[in-house]
Amino acid sequence: MVKMESSLQIETEIRENKAVLKLKGDMVSDAEEELAKAVNALPEESRDKIILDLAQTQYINSAGIAALISLLNKVTETGGALKLVGLNRHFQKVLETVGLTEYIPIYESLDEALRS
């Protein structure tokens, strides 16, 4: 069996006790698995304070939206927060259309998200 390379790479950084996950690539069918791996590798105290930086992510489909919803549910179950930064117009419009912007705050910059 040949394993395909993931269409989404995630770079993780801890800043001010918050996990910053910088996503690069497309949020498609393998996004949920890649996000789960990245979150599970985080220090426990940062797993409920997650900022997704989507500046290098160009495309999202229904599987990517499902991955965001799954992550949102996981984070909020423990009273945590999920925040988004770096959204292009397409991403923002998609998230508004499906109603996720009511549940996930979007910030203009990483610094703004860290301060909130």
C-alpha atoms as a PDB file:
ATOM      1  CA  MET A   1       0.000   0.000   0.000  1.00  0.00           C
ATOM      2  CA  VAL A   2       1.358   3.411  -0.987  1.00  0.00           C
ATOM      3  CA  LYS A   3       0.756   6.246   1.439  1.00  0.00           C
ATOM      4  CA  MET A   4       0.011   9.559  -0.244  1.00  0.00           C
ATOM      5  CA  GLU A   5       1.730  12.664   1.017  1.00  0.00           C
ATOM      6  CA  SER A   6      -0.598  14.911   2.960  1.00  0.00           C
ATOM      7  CA  SER A   7      -1.981  17.970   1.190  1.00  0.00           C
ATOM      8  CA  LEU A   8      -1.707  19.859   4.491  1.00  0.00           C
ATOM      9  CA  GLN A   9       1.445  20.544   6.477  1.00  0.00           C
ATOM     10  CA  ILE A  10       1.261  21.985   9.982  1.00  0.00           C
ATOM     11  CA  GLU A  11       3.989  23.875  11.800  1.00  0.00           C
ATOM     12  CA  THR A  12       3.394  24.259  15.531  1.00  0.00           C
ATOM     13  CA  GLU A  13       4.620  26.976  17.850  1.00  0.00           C
ATOM     14  CA  ILE A  14       3.730  27.751  21.485  1.00  0.00           C
ATOM     15  CA  ARG A  15       3.373  31.458  22.231  1.00  0.00           C
ATOM     16  CA  GLU A  16       2.098  32.832  25.522  1.00  0.00           C
ATOM     17  CA  ASN A  17       0.781  29.361  26.467  1.00  0.00           C
ATOM     18  CA  LYS A  18      -1.281  29.285  23.274  1.00  0.00           C
ATOM     19  CA  ALA A  19      -0.728  26.866  20.413  1.00  0.00           C
ATOM     20  CA  VAL A  20      -0.241  28.496  17.035  1.00  0.00           C
ATOM     21  CA  LEU A  21      -0.740  26.020  14.207  1.00  0.00           C
ATOM     22  CA  LYS A  22       0.467  27.389  10.871  1.00  0.00           C
ATOM     23  CA  LEU A  23      -1.254  25.473   8.111  1.00  0.00           C
ATOM     24  CA  LYS A  24       0.226  25.199   4.648  1.00  0.00           C
ATOM     25  CA  GLY A  25      -1.599  23.549   1.780  1.00  0.00           C
ATOM     26  CA  ASP A  26      -5.230  22.640   1.246  1.00  0.00           C
ATOM     27  CA  MET A  27      -7.834  21.742   3.852  1.00  0.00           C
ATOM     28  CA  VAL A  28      -9.284  18.661   2.213  1.00  0.00           C
ATOM     29  CA  SER A  29      -9.871  14.999   3.099  1.00  0.00           C
ATOM     30  CA  ASP A  30      -6.736  14.509   5.221  1.00  0.00           C
ATOM     31  CA  ALA A  31      -7.099  17.758   7.200  1.00  0.00           C
ATOM     32  CA  GLU A  32      -8.899  16.221  10.178  1.00  0.00           C
ATOM     33  CA  GLU A  33      -6.236  13.539  10.655  1.00  0.00           C
ATOM     34  CA  GLU A  34      -3.386  16.047  10.323  1.00  0.00           C
ATOM     35  CA  LEU A  35      -5.009  18.514  12.746  1.00  0.00           C
ATOM     36  CA  ALA A  36      -5.675  15.730  15.277  1.00  0.00           C
ATOM     37  CA  LYS A  37      -2.024  14.616  15.106  1.00  0.00           C
ATOM     38  CA  ALA A  38      -0.794  18.186  15.588  1.00  0.00           C
ATOM     39  CA  VAL A  39      -3.135  18.850  18.530  1.00  0.00           C
ATOM     40  CA  ASN A  40      -2.312  15.547  20.227  1.00  0.00           C
ATOM     41  CA  ALA A  41       1.398  16.424  20.029  1.00  0.00           C
ATOM     42  CA  LEU A  42       0.838  19.739  21.852  1.00  0.00           C
ATOM     43  CA  PRO A  43       1.680  20.203  25.525  1.00  0.00           C
ATOM     44  CA  GLU A  44      -1.496  19.501  27.487  1.00  0.00           C
ATOM     45  CA  GLU A  45      -1.781  23.065  28.822  1.00  0.00           C
ATOM     46  CA  SER A  46      -1.956  24.436  25.244  1.00  0.00           C
ATOM     47  CA  ARG A  47      -4.469  21.990  23.753  1.00  0.00           C
ATOM     48  CA  ASP A  48      -7.478  24.141  24.583  1.00  0.00           C
ATOM     49  CA  LYS A  49      -6.027  27.474  23.399  1.00  0.00           C
ATOM     50  CA  ILE A  50      -5.478  27.074  19.676  1.00  0.00           C
ATOM     51  CA  ILE A  51      -4.907  29.659  16.964  1.00  0.00           C
ATOM     52  CA  LEU A  52      -4.993  28.415  13.378  1.00  0.00           C
ATOM     53  CA  ASP A  53      -2.960  30.564  10.995  1.00  0.00           C
ATOM     54  CA  LEU A  54      -4.442  29.986   7.544  1.00  0.00           C
ATOM     55  CA  ALA A  55      -2.349  32.537   5.633  1.00  0.00           C
ATOM     56  CA  GLN A  56      -0.696  29.792   3.560  1.00  0.00           C
ATOM     57  CA  THR A  57      -3.871  27.808   2.984  1.00  0.00           C
ATOM     58  CA  GLN A  58      -5.688  28.522  -0.250  1.00  0.00           C
ATOM     59  CA  TYR A  59      -8.483  25.972  -0.512  1.00  0.00           C
ATOM     60  CA  ILE A  60     -11.053  24.346   1.748  1.00  0.00           C
ATOM     61  CA  ASN A  61     -13.768  21.837   0.898  1.00  0.00           C
ATOM     62  CA  SER A  62     -16.476  20.126   2.962  1.00  0.00           C
ATOM     63  CA  ALA A  63     -13.932  17.744   4.533  1.00  0.00           C
ATOM     64  CA  GLY A  64     -11.857  20.738   5.628  1.00  0.00           C
ATOM     65  CA  ILE A  65     -14.936  22.389   7.116  1.00  0.00           C
ATOM     66  CA  ALA A  66     -15.719  19.154   8.953  1.00  0.00           C
ATOM     67  CA  ALA A  67     -12.146  19.150  10.306  1.00  0.00           C
ATOM     68  CA  LEU A  68     -12.627  22.695  11.664  1.00  0.00           C
ATOM     69  CA  ILE A  69     -15.923  21.718  13.295  1.00  0.00           C
ATOM     70  CA  SER A  70     -14.333  18.632  14.852  1.00  0.00           C
ATOM     71  CA  LEU A  71     -11.450  20.700  16.232  1.00  0.00           C
ATOM     72  CA  LEU A  72     -13.850  23.370  17.496  1.00  0.00           C
ATOM     73  CA  ASN A  73     -15.885  20.728  19.351  1.00  0.00           C
ATOM     74  CA  LYS A  74     -12.778  19.152  20.878  1.00  0.00           C
ATOM     75  CA  VAL A  75     -11.390  22.489  22.068  1.00  0.00           C
ATOM     76  CA  THR A  76     -14.651  23.875  23.454  1.00  0.00           C
ATOM     77  CA  GLU A  77     -15.507  20.639  25.308  1.00  0.00           C
ATOM     78  CA  THR A  78     -12.802  21.587  27.806  1.00  0.00           C
ATOM     79  CA  GLY A  79     -13.784  25.260  27.949  1.00  0.00           C
ATOM     80  CA  GLY A  80     -11.089  26.296  25.511  1.00  0.00           C
ATOM     81  CA  ALA A  81     -11.078  28.542  22.479  1.00  0.00           C
ATOM     82  CA  LEU A  82     -10.262  28.196  18.802  1.00  0.00           C
ATOM     83  CA  LYS A  83      -9.283  31.325  16.858  1.00  0.00           C
ATOM     84  CA  LEU A  84      -8.436  31.909  13.203  1.00  0.00           C
ATOM     85  CA  VAL A  85      -6.022  34.318  11.546  1.00  0.00           C
ATOM     86  CA  GLY A  86      -4.751  34.858   8.018  1.00  0.00           C
ATOM     87  CA  LEU A  87      -7.962  34.067   6.159  1.00  0.00           C
ATOM     88  CA  ASN A  88      -8.174  35.058   2.539  1.00  0.00           C
ATOM     89  CA  ARG A  89     -11.496  36.382   1.178  1.00  0.00           C
ATOM     90  CA  HIS A  90     -12.527  32.958  -0.150  1.00  0.00           C
ATOM     91  CA  PHE A  91     -11.982  31.281   3.213  1.00  0.00           C
ATOM     92  CA  GLN A  92     -13.805  34.004   5.092  1.00  0.00           C
ATOM     93  CA  LYS A  93     -16.786  33.833   2.718  1.00  0.00           C
ATOM     94  CA  VAL A  94     -16.979  30.021   2.985  1.00  0.00           C
ATOM     95  CA  LEU A  95     -16.859  30.136   6.787  1.00  0.00           C
ATOM     96  CA  GLU A  96     -19.501  32.889   6.883  1.00  0.00           C
ATOM     97  CA  THR A  97     -21.737  30.900   4.523  1.00  0.00           C
ATOM     98  CA  VAL A  98     -21.640  27.764   6.678  1.00  0.00           C
ATOM     99  CA  GLY A  99     -22.074  29.807   9.866  1.00  0.00           C
ATOM    100  CA  LEU A 100     -18.735  29.009  11.514  1.00  0.00           C
ATOM    101  CA  THR A 101     -17.893  32.675  12.062  1.00  0.00           C
ATOM    102  CA  GLU A 102     -20.561  32.690  14.790  1.00  0.00           C
ATOM    103  CA  TYR A 103     -18.505  30.159  16.747  1.00  0.00           C
ATOM    104  CA  ILE A 104     -14.890  30.808  15.749  1.00  0.00           C
ATOM    105  CA  PRO A 105     -13.522  34.342  16.059  1.00  0.00           C
ATOM    106  CA  ILE A 106     -11.428  35.619  13.165  1.00  0.00           C
ATOM    107  CA  TYR A 107      -8.569  38.057  13.725  1.00  0.00           C
ATOM    108  CA  GLU A 108      -6.628  40.239  11.312  1.00  0.00           C
ATOM    109  CA  SER A 109      -3.248  39.351  12.804  1.00  0.00           C
ATOM    110  CA  LEU A 110      -1.587  36.758  14.972  1.00  0.00           C
ATOM    111  CA  ASP A 111      -0.671  39.416  17.522  1.00  0.00           C
ATOM    112  CA  GLU A 112      -4.318  40.454  17.798  1.00  0.00           C
ATOM    113  CA  ALA A 113      -5.377  36.829  18.338  1.00  0.00           C
ATOM    114  CA  LEU A 114      -2.698  36.321  20.973  1.00  0.00           C
ATOM    115  CA  ARG A 115      -3.834  39.440  22.866  1.00  0.00           C
ATOM    116  CA  SER A 116      -7.501  38.437  22.890  1.00  0.00           C
END
